[in-house]
C-alpha atoms as a PDB file:
ATOM      1  CA  MET A   1     137.316  -2.738 -20.569  1.00  0.00           C
ATOM      2  CA  ASN A   2     138.580  -5.468 -22.838  1.00  0.00           C
ATOM      3  CA  ARG A   3     136.514  -7.728 -25.041  1.00  0.00           C
ATOM      4  CA  THR A   4     136.450 -10.685 -22.603  1.00  0.00           C
ATOM      5  CA  SER A   5     135.177  -8.493 -19.770  1.00  0.00           C
ATOM      6  CA  ARG A   6     132.429  -7.110 -21.968  1.00  0.00           C
ATOM      7  CA  LEU A   7     131.326 -10.597 -22.977  1.00  0.00           C
ATOM      8  CA  VAL A   8     131.260 -11.723 -19.326  1.00  0.00           C
ATOM      9  CA  VAL A   9     129.160  -8.700 -18.307  1.00  0.00           C
ATOM     10  CA  LEU A  10     126.822  -9.261 -21.250  1.00  0.00           C
ATOM     11  CA  ALA A  11     126.478 -12.969 -20.414  1.00  0.00           C
ATOM     12  CA  LEU A  12     125.739 -12.159 -16.753  1.00  0.00           C
ATOM     13  CA  LEU A  13     123.149  -9.587 -17.767  1.00  0.00           C
ATOM     14  CA  PHE A  14     121.516 -12.110 -20.091  1.00  0.00           C
ATOM     15  CA  ALA A  15     121.518 -14.770 -17.332  1.00  0.00           C
ATOM     16  CA  VAL A  16     119.889 -12.363 -14.849  1.00  0.00           C
ATOM     17  CA  CYS A  17     117.166 -11.450 -17.367  1.00  0.00           C
ATOM     18  CA  LEU A  18     116.513 -15.085 -18.205  1.00  0.00           C
ATOM     19  CA  GLY A  19     116.356 -16.012 -14.515  1.00  0.00           C
ATOM     20  CA  ALA A  20     113.940 -13.161 -13.767  1.00  0.00           C
ATOM     21  CA  THR A  21     111.723 -14.182 -16.687  1.00  0.00           C
ATOM     22  CA  LEU A  22     111.577 -17.809 -15.541  1.00  0.00           C
ATOM     23  CA  LEU A  23     110.892 -16.796 -11.947  1.00  0.00           C
ATOM     24  CA  GLN A  24     108.063 -14.455 -13.004  1.00  0.00           C
ATOM     25  CA  ARG A  25     106.511 -17.131 -15.212  1.00  0.00           C
ATOM     26  CA  GLN A  26     106.616 -19.614 -12.334  1.00  0.00           C
ATOM     27  CA  ARG A  27     104.974 -17.087  -9.964  1.00  0.00           C
ATOM     28  CA  ASP A  28     102.266 -16.268 -12.527  1.00  0.00           C
ATOM     29  CA  GLN A  29     101.551 -19.936 -13.145  1.00  0.00           C
ATOM     30  CA  ARG A  30     101.242 -20.646  -9.411  1.00  0.00           C
ATOM     31  CA  ARG A  31      98.931 -17.645  -8.958  1.00  0.00           C
ATOM     32  CA  LEU A  32      96.725 -18.503 -11.924  1.00  0.00           C
ATOM     33  CA  SER A  33      96.332 -22.192 -11.226  1.00  0.00           C
ATOM     34  CA  ALA A  34      94.509 -21.783  -7.934  1.00  0.00           C
ATOM     35  CA  PRO A  35      92.694 -24.796  -6.565  1.00  0.00           C
ATOM     36  CA  PRO A  36      89.082 -24.809  -7.790  1.00  0.00           C
ATOM     37  CA  ASN A  37      87.667 -24.839  -4.259  1.00  0.00           C
ATOM     38  CA  GLU A  38      89.280 -21.428  -3.665  1.00  0.00           C
ATOM     39  CA  LEU A  39      87.345 -19.975  -6.606  1.00  0.00           C
ATOM     40  CA  TYR A  40      84.154 -21.827  -5.679  1.00  0.00           C
ATOM     41  CA  GLU A  41      84.335 -20.317  -2.195  1.00  0.00           C
ATOM     42  CA  VAL A  42      84.480 -16.760  -3.565  1.00  0.00           C
ATOM     43  CA  VAL A  43      81.419 -17.348  -5.748  1.00  0.00           C
ATOM     44  CA  TRP A  44      79.560 -19.288  -3.041  1.00  0.00           C
ATOM     45  CA  THR A  45      80.178 -16.539  -0.462  1.00  0.00           C
ATOM     46  CA  GLN A  46      78.694 -13.956  -2.813  1.00  0.00           C
ATOM     47  CA  ILE A  47      75.692 -16.154  -3.627  1.00  0.00           C
ATOM     48  CA  ARG A  48      74.954 -16.726   0.072  1.00  0.00           C
ATOM     49  CA  ALA A  49      75.278 -12.990   0.766  1.00  0.00           C
ATOM     50  CA  ILE A  50      72.841 -12.115  -2.035  1.00  0.00           C
ATOM     51  CA  GLN A  51      70.405 -14.798  -0.878  1.00  0.00           C
ATOM     52  CA  ALA A  52      70.575 -13.363   2.644  1.00  0.00           C
ATOM     53  CA  GLY A  53      69.977  -9.848   1.302  1.00  0.00           C
ATOM     54  CA  ASP A  54      73.453  -8.689   2.366  1.00  0.00           C
ATOM     55  CA  THR A  55      74.441  -6.883  -0.831  1.00  0.00           C
ATOM     56  CA  GLN A  56      77.253  -5.004   0.953  1.00  0.00           C
ATOM     57  CA  MET A  57      78.983  -8.326   1.702  1.00  0.00           C
ATOM     58  CA  ALA A  58      78.349  -9.508  -1.869  1.00  0.00           C
ATOM     59  CA  TYR A  59      79.789  -6.251  -3.217  1.00  0.00           C
ATOM     60  CA  ARG A  60      83.067  -6.848  -1.347  1.00  0.00           C
ATOM     61  CA  HIS A  61      83.703  -9.861  -3.577  1.00  0.00           C
ATOM     62  CA  VAL A  62      83.576  -7.999  -6.889  1.00  0.00           C
ATOM     63  CA  SER A  63      86.657  -6.737  -8.708  1.00  0.00           C
ATOM     64  CA  SER A  64      87.837  -3.145  -8.717  1.00  0.00           C
ATOM     65  CA  SER A  65      86.968  -2.831 -12.429  1.00  0.00           C
ATOM     66  CA  PHE A  66      83.422  -4.001 -11.661  1.00  0.00           C
ATOM     67  CA  GLN A  67      83.227  -1.483  -8.815  1.00  0.00           C
ATOM     68  CA  GLU A  68      84.205   1.260 -11.265  1.00  0.00           C
ATOM     69  CA  LYS A  69      81.096   0.419 -13.324  1.00  0.00           C
ATOM     70  CA  PHE A  70      78.671  -0.089 -10.429  1.00  0.00           C
ATOM     71  CA  ASN A  71      78.556   1.523  -7.003  1.00  0.00           C
ATOM     72  CA  ALA A  72      77.123  -0.509  -4.097  1.00  0.00           C
ATOM     73  CA  GLU A  73      73.569   0.785  -4.577  1.00  0.00           C
ATOM     74  CA  ALA A  74      73.575   0.105  -8.328  1.00  0.00           C
ATOM     75  CA  PHE A  75      75.003  -3.362  -7.664  1.00  0.00           C
ATOM     76  CA  ALA A  76      72.186  -4.111  -5.190  1.00  0.00           C
ATOM     77  CA  GLU A  77      69.574  -3.016  -7.740  1.00  0.00           C
ATOM     78  CA  TYR A  78      71.328  -4.986 -10.492  1.00  0.00           C
ATOM     79  CA  ALA A  79      71.360  -8.153  -8.372  1.00  0.00           C
ATOM     80  CA  ARG A  80      67.699  -7.680  -7.452  1.00  0.00           C
ATOM     81  CA  THR A  81      66.459  -7.081 -11.020  1.00  0.00           C
ATOM     82  CA  GLU A  82      68.776  -9.220 -13.155  1.00  0.00           C
ATOM     83  CA  TYR A  83      69.078 -12.280 -10.932  1.00  0.00           C
ATOM     84  CA  PRO A  84      65.823 -12.581  -8.960  1.00  0.00           C
ATOM     85  CA  GLY A  85      65.337 -16.321  -9.528  1.00  0.00           C
ATOM     86  CA  LEU A  86      68.883 -17.125  -8.516  1.00  0.00           C
ATOM     87  CA  THR A  87      68.282 -15.833  -5.019  1.00  0.00           C
ATOM     88  CA  ARG A  88      65.659 -18.552  -4.553  1.00  0.00           C
ATOM     89  CA  ALA A  89      67.771 -21.467  -5.782  1.00  0.00           C
ATOM     90  CA  GLU A  90      67.360 -24.621  -3.741  1.00  0.00           C
ATOM     91  CA  ARG A  91      70.721 -26.025  -4.758  1.00  0.00           C
ATOM     92  CA  VAL A  92      73.871 -24.670  -6.387  1.00  0.00           C
ATOM     93  CA  GLU A  93      76.516 -26.762  -8.165  1.00  0.00           C
ATOM     94  CA  PHE A  94      79.805 -25.755  -9.761  1.00  0.00           C
ATOM     95  CA  GLY A  95      81.411 -26.897 -13.004  1.00  0.00           C
ATOM     96  CA  ALA A  96      85.037 -27.201 -14.070  1.00  0.00           C
ATOM     97  CA  VAL A  97      87.183 -24.085 -13.692  1.00  0.00           C
ATOM     98  CA  ARG A  98      88.981 -22.773 -16.778  1.00  0.00           C
ATOM     99  CA  PHE A  99      91.898 -20.379 -16.639  1.00  0.00           C
ATOM    100  CA  GLU A 100      92.289 -17.781 -19.402  1.00  0.00           C
ATOM    101  CA  GLY A 101      95.285 -15.569 -18.809  1.00  0.00           C
ATOM    102  CA  ALA A 102      94.696 -13.512 -15.662  1.00  0.00           C
ATOM    103  CA  HIS A 103      91.059 -14.614 -15.474  1.00  0.00           C
ATOM    104  CA  ALA A 104      89.210 -17.769 -14.502  1.00  0.00           C
ATOM    105  CA  THR A 105      85.712 -18.834 -15.470  1.00  0.00           C
ATOM    106  CA  VAL A 106      83.486 -20.889 -13.209  1.00  0.00           C
ATOM    107  CA  PRO A 107      80.239 -22.435 -14.493  1.00  0.00           C
ATOM    108  CA  VAL A 108      77.516 -22.378 -11.839  1.00  0.00           C
ATOM    109  CA  PHE A 109      74.204 -24.237 -11.979  1.00  0.00           C
ATOM    110  CA  PHE A 110      71.251 -22.944  -9.955  1.00  0.00           C
ATOM    111  CA  PHE A 111      68.570 -25.573  -9.337  1.00  0.00           C
ATOM    112  CA  LEU A 112      65.202 -23.931  -8.750  1.00  0.00           C
ATOM    113  CA  SER A 113      62.225 -25.339  -6.843  1.00  0.00           C
ATOM    114  CA  ASP A 114      60.199 -25.832 -10.052  1.00  0.00           C
ATOM    115  CA  GLY A 115      62.927 -28.130 -11.427  1.00  0.00           C
ATOM    116  CA  ASP A 116      64.379 -25.608 -13.861  1.00  0.00           C
ATOM    117  CA  VAL A 117      68.128 -25.113 -13.975  1.00  0.00           C
ATOM    118  CA  VAL A 118      69.705 -21.713 -14.557  1.00  0.00           C
ATOM    119  CA  ARG A 119      73.225 -21.854 -15.953  1.00  0.00           C
ATOM    120  CA  CYS A 120      75.566 -18.994 -15.167  1.00  0.00           C
ATOM    121  CA  VAL A 121      79.236 -18.364 -15.918  1.00  0.00           C
ATOM    122  CA  TYR A 122      81.181 -16.324 -13.380  1.00  0.00           C
ATOM    123  CA  ARG A 123      84.364 -14.580 -14.472  1.00  0.00           C
ATOM    124  CA  LEU A 124      86.986 -14.016 -11.789  1.00  0.00           C
ATOM    125  CA  VAL A 125      90.199 -12.030 -11.804  1.00  0.00           C
ATOM    126  CA  ASN A 126      93.162 -12.241  -9.468  1.00  0.00           C
ATOM    127  CA  GLU A 127      93.750  -8.877  -7.788  1.00  0.00           C
ATOM    128  CA  ARG A 128      96.714  -8.710  -5.443  1.00  0.00           C
ATOM    129  CA  ASN A 129      96.634 -12.478  -4.818  1.00  0.00           C
ATOM    130  CA  THR A 130      92.891 -12.463  -4.070  1.00  0.00           C
ATOM    131  CA  TRP A 131      90.282 -13.758  -6.491  1.00  0.00           C
ATOM    132  CA  LYS A 132      87.437 -11.312  -7.166  1.00  0.00           C
ATOM    133  CA  ILE A 133      84.298 -11.651  -9.282  1.00  0.00           C
ATOM    134  CA  ASP A 134      84.613  -9.608 -12.460  1.00  0.00           C
ATOM    135  CA  GLY A 135      81.190 -10.440 -13.875  1.00  0.00           C
ATOM    136  CA  ALA A 136      78.561 -13.101 -14.347  1.00  0.00           C
ATOM    137  CA  ASN A 137      76.583 -14.101 -17.430  1.00  0.00           C
ATOM    138  CA  VAL A 138      73.277 -15.873 -17.039  1.00  0.00           C
ATOM    139  CA  LEU A 139      72.799 -18.373 -19.854  1.00  0.00           C
ATOM    140  CA  GLN A 140      69.645 -19.988 -21.177  1.00  0.00           C
ATOM    141  CA  ARG A 141      67.356 -21.446 -18.522  1.00  0.00           C
ATOM    142  CA  LEU A 142      66.944 -25.204 -18.885  1.00  0.00           C
ATOM    143  CA  PRO A 143      63.438 -26.576 -18.296  1.00  0.00           C
ATOM    144  CA  ALA A 144      62.666 -29.179 -15.631  1.00  0.00           C
ATOM    145  CA  GLY A 145      63.688 -32.708 -16.576  1.00  0.00           C
ATOM    146  CA  ARG A 146      66.471 -31.615 -18.948  1.00  0.00           C
ATOM    147  CA  ARG A 147      69.592 -33.661 -18.334  1.00  0.00           C
ATOM    148  CA  LEU A 148      72.921 -31.943 -17.831  1.00  0.00           C
ATOM    149  CA  GLY A 149      76.157 -33.389 -19.136  1.00  0.00           C
ATOM    150  CA  GLY A 150      78.854 -34.581 -16.768  1.00  0.00           C
ATOM    151  CA  MET A 151      79.177 -37.141 -14.007  1.00  0.00           C
ATOM    152  CA  ARG A 152      77.763 -37.419 -10.528  1.00  0.00           C
ATOM    153  CA  ALA A 153      79.775 -39.154  -7.880  1.00  0.00           C
END
């Protein structure tokens, strides 16, 4: 093979690699920038299932890494002991979704009957083109009458 042929093969190989890289980046970006309502629906479905006492349905919405840490029975006990007030929320509102690599975070506000607001941040991960809940952190409970930032439409 002469020098020109080698350069052509090398240039083609470089072009194929560059094209594959750009295509993969585009696919990742499309996958990770899901519409917020898609993520809200995953969280909302789990919340409704827990409120209805259907922990098996709620467990189906958690990630495989979460399922490695908790089996279905442990998850049911965890939901019952760690989030008892959230099951009695009168209203649930969602905040702005943030994407962080392969994960997304969704702030959720649980409005309780006594006027208190419980803030929670759900972490979701995309597994095989399906968003799954990878964890939730309950933040400080805000007392009744405390104003939240943001806008209401």
